Amino acid sequence: MIEILIGSGDDINTLQMVFRAIIIFFIALFLIRLGGLRIIGEKSGFDIAVVIMLGAILSRAIVGASPLIDTIMASLAMVSVNKLLAWLCTKNKRLDYFLKGRPLLLYAKGKLHQSNMSKANLSQTELMTSLRLETNSENLNAVNTAHMEPNGRISFVLKKKV
């Protein structure tokens, strides 16, 4: 009965592909819940790689390019390794920096750090756009520091009001 619903190999019909897509949808939801919201929430390069690979692997199960159970097990292994590495990163700062990167100081004490702006491939125009979007300000005078975070966002620490 199961064989009729999901087929086998890459010779599957439309209805079997639909059943596989439904099954994989629920498995993907389960894997994301298992991996934690960080997989979709933090959006670091580390997490984006997992999401892309998870989609690529699970799509093979839908179209029958790889055996259904094998792709599910490979996806489970990948999410488990992601969760393990994320936990290890909480224990080891070097591993955390290696896998996720470090923030780059872009602005501090009234001065742009051009070398870090170049490393981040960021123009002053882009920095000012982020400033407006994040702080509703058009002036760096109210900013103590600005960093390019490992997830690609720019964070601003505002000066304390006296």
Protein backbone atom coordinates (compact mmCIF):
# COMPACT_ATOMS: atom_id res chain seq x y z
CA MET A 1 0.00 0.00 0.00
CA ILE A 2 2.77 2.45 0.98
CA GLU A 3 4.66 1.55 -2.22
CA ILE A 4 1.59 2.49 -4.27
CA LEU A 5 1.26 5.87 -2.48
CA ILE A 6 4.88 7.01 -2.59
CA GLY A 7 6.39 4.88 -5.36
CA SER A 8 10.05 4.01 -5.55
CA GLY A 9 13.05 5.20 -7.50
CA ASP A 10 12.78 8.05 -9.95
CA ASP A 11 9.87 6.48 -11.84
CA ILE A 12 7.06 8.07 -9.81
CA ASN A 13 3.84 9.59 -11.03
CA THR A 14 2.30 12.95 -10.14
CA LEU A 15 0.12 11.60 -7.33
CA GLN A 16 3.09 9.83 -5.74
CA MET A 17 5.10 13.04 -5.95
CA VAL A 18 2.24 14.90 -4.25
CA PHE A 19 2.18 12.35 -1.40
CA ARG A 20 5.96 12.59 -1.08
CA ALA A 21 5.75 16.40 -0.95
CA ILE A 22 3.17 16.23 1.85
CA ILE A 23 5.29 13.77 3.81
CA ILE A 24 8.46 15.83 3.30
CA PHE A 25 6.63 19.02 4.32
CA PHE A 26 5.82 17.56 7.73
CA ILE A 27 9.30 16.07 8.07
CA ALA A 28 10.83 19.48 7.25
CA LEU A 29 8.65 21.11 9.92
CA PHE A 30 9.74 18.46 12.41
CA LEU A 31 13.42 18.91 11.52
CA ILE A 32 13.20 22.69 11.87
CA ARG A 33 11.54 22.30 15.28
CA LEU A 34 14.19 19.75 16.24
CA GLY A 35 16.98 22.05 15.11
CA GLY A 36 15.49 24.96 16.99
CA LEU A 37 14.31 28.34 15.83
CA ARG A 38 17.91 29.48 15.43
CA ILE A 39 18.03 27.67 12.07
CA ILE A 40 15.49 30.08 10.61
CA GLY A 41 15.83 32.98 13.03
CA GLU A 42 19.49 33.84 13.36
CA LYS A 43 20.36 33.72 9.67
CA SER A 44 24.10 33.43 10.10
CA GLY A 45 26.05 31.86 7.25
CA PHE A 46 26.23 28.74 9.38
CA ASP A 47 22.43 28.49 9.59
CA ILE A 48 21.76 29.55 6.00
CA ALA A 49 24.02 26.73 4.78
CA VAL A 50 21.94 24.23 6.77
CA VAL A 51 18.65 25.57 5.39
CA ILE A 52 19.91 25.44 1.79
CA MET A 53 21.32 21.94 2.19
CA LEU A 54 18.20 20.73 3.97
CA GLY A 55 16.05 21.98 1.09
CA ALA A 56 18.34 20.39 -1.50
CA ILE A 57 18.41 17.03 0.24
CA LEU A 58 14.68 16.89 0.96
CA SER A 59 13.79 17.93 -2.58
CA ARG A 60 15.55 14.80 -3.85
CA ALA A 61 13.08 12.71 -1.85
CA ILE A 62 10.11 14.51 -3.39
CA VAL A 63 11.16 13.95 -6.99
CA GLY A 64 12.41 10.42 -6.38
CA ALA A 65 16.05 11.18 -7.19
CA SER A 66 17.10 9.53 -3.90
CA PRO A 67 15.37 6.97 -1.68
CA LEU A 68 12.83 8.56 0.66
CA ILE A 69 14.10 7.04 3.91
CA ASP A 70 17.75 7.74 3.02
CA THR A 71 17.08 11.43 2.40
CA ILE A 72 15.11 11.72 5.62
CA MET A 73 17.97 10.12 7.57
CA ALA A 74 20.56 12.36 5.86
CA SER A 75 18.46 15.42 6.75
CA LEU A 76 18.09 14.27 10.34
CA ALA A 77 21.86 13.77 10.56
CA MET A 78 22.51 17.25 9.15
CA VAL A 79 20.13 18.93 11.61
CA SER A 80 21.66 16.92 14.46
CA VAL A 81 25.19 17.99 13.48
CA ASN A 82 23.99 21.61 13.24
CA LYS A 83 22.49 21.39 16.72
CA LEU A 84 25.66 19.76 18.10
CA LEU A 85 27.92 22.40 16.51
CA ALA A 86 25.67 25.20 17.80
CA TRP A 87 25.92 23.75 21.30
CA LEU A 88 29.71 23.35 21.00
CA CYS A 89 29.91 27.00 19.90
CA THR A 90 28.37 28.02 23.22
CA LYS A 91 31.26 26.22 24.96
CA ASN A 92 34.14 27.23 22.68
CA LYS A 93 34.61 30.83 21.51
CA ARG A 94 37.20 29.89 18.86
CA LEU A 95 34.86 27.38 17.24
CA ASP A 96 32.06 29.95 17.42
CA TYR A 97 34.18 32.55 15.61
CA PHE A 98 35.37 29.97 13.08
CA LEU A 99 31.87 28.76 12.18
CA LYS A 100 29.91 31.99 12.52
CA GLY A 101 32.44 34.78 12.17
CA ARG A 102 33.10 37.90 14.23
CA PRO A 103 31.53 41.31 14.14
CA LEU A 104 33.53 44.01 12.34
CA LEU A 105 33.83 47.46 13.91
CA LEU A 106 32.71 49.96 11.27
CA TYR A 107 32.42 53.15 13.27
CA ALA A 108 33.63 54.29 16.68
CA LYS A 109 34.55 57.56 18.42
CA GLY A 110 33.37 59.66 15.50
CA LYS A 111 35.50 57.82 12.96
CA LEU A 112 34.73 55.37 10.15
CA HIS A 113 37.01 52.34 10.04
CA GLN A 114 37.63 52.22 6.30
CA SER A 115 39.66 48.99 6.37
CA ASN A 116 36.75 47.15 8.01
CA MET A 117 34.25 48.85 5.69
CA SER A 118 36.30 47.40 2.79
CA LYS A 119 36.43 43.94 4.41
CA ALA A 120 32.65 44.05 4.70
CA ASN A 121 32.28 45.32 1.10
CA LEU A 122 30.21 48.13 2.54
CA SER A 123 29.97 51.68 1.26
CA GLN A 124 29.30 54.70 3.42
CA THR A 125 25.98 55.08 1.60
CA GLU A 126 24.95 51.57 2.69
CA LEU A 127 26.02 52.32 6.27
CA MET A 128 23.91 55.47 6.27
CA THR A 129 20.93 53.57 4.81
CA SER A 130 21.16 51.06 7.66
CA LEU A 131 21.48 53.90 10.15
CA ARG A 132 18.23 55.42 8.92
CA LEU A 133 16.42 52.09 8.88
CA GLU A 134 17.66 50.90 12.29
CA THR A 135 17.70 54.13 14.31
CA ASN A 136 15.44 56.56 12.44
CA SER A 137 18.38 58.95 12.43
CA GLU A 138 20.37 60.49 9.60
CA ASN A 139 23.40 61.44 11.64
CA LEU A 140 26.23 59.34 13.07
CA ASN A 141 26.73 61.90 15.87
CA ALA A 142 24.25 59.99 18.06
CA VAL A 143 26.09 56.70 17.45
CA ASN A 144 28.76 55.35 19.78
CA THR A 145 29.70 52.30 17.65
CA ALA A 146 28.49 50.49 14.55
CA HIS A 147 29.30 46.86 13.76
CA MET A 148 28.74 44.56 10.80
CA GLU A 149 27.41 41.47 12.56
CA PRO A 150 28.22 37.92 11.40
CA ASN A 151 24.64 37.57 10.11
CA GLY A 152 25.15 40.53 7.74
CA ARG A 153 23.14 43.09 9.68
CA ILE A 154 24.59 46.34 10.90
CA SER A 155 24.06 47.11 14.57
CA PHE A 156 24.31 50.57 16.10
CA VAL A 157 25.02 51.32 19.75
CA LEU A 158 23.71 54.78 20.49
CA LYS A 159 25.45 57.23 22.83
CA LYS A 160 23.91 57.53 26.25
CA LYS A 161 21.87 60.68 26.73
CA VAL A 162 23.17 62.84 29.54
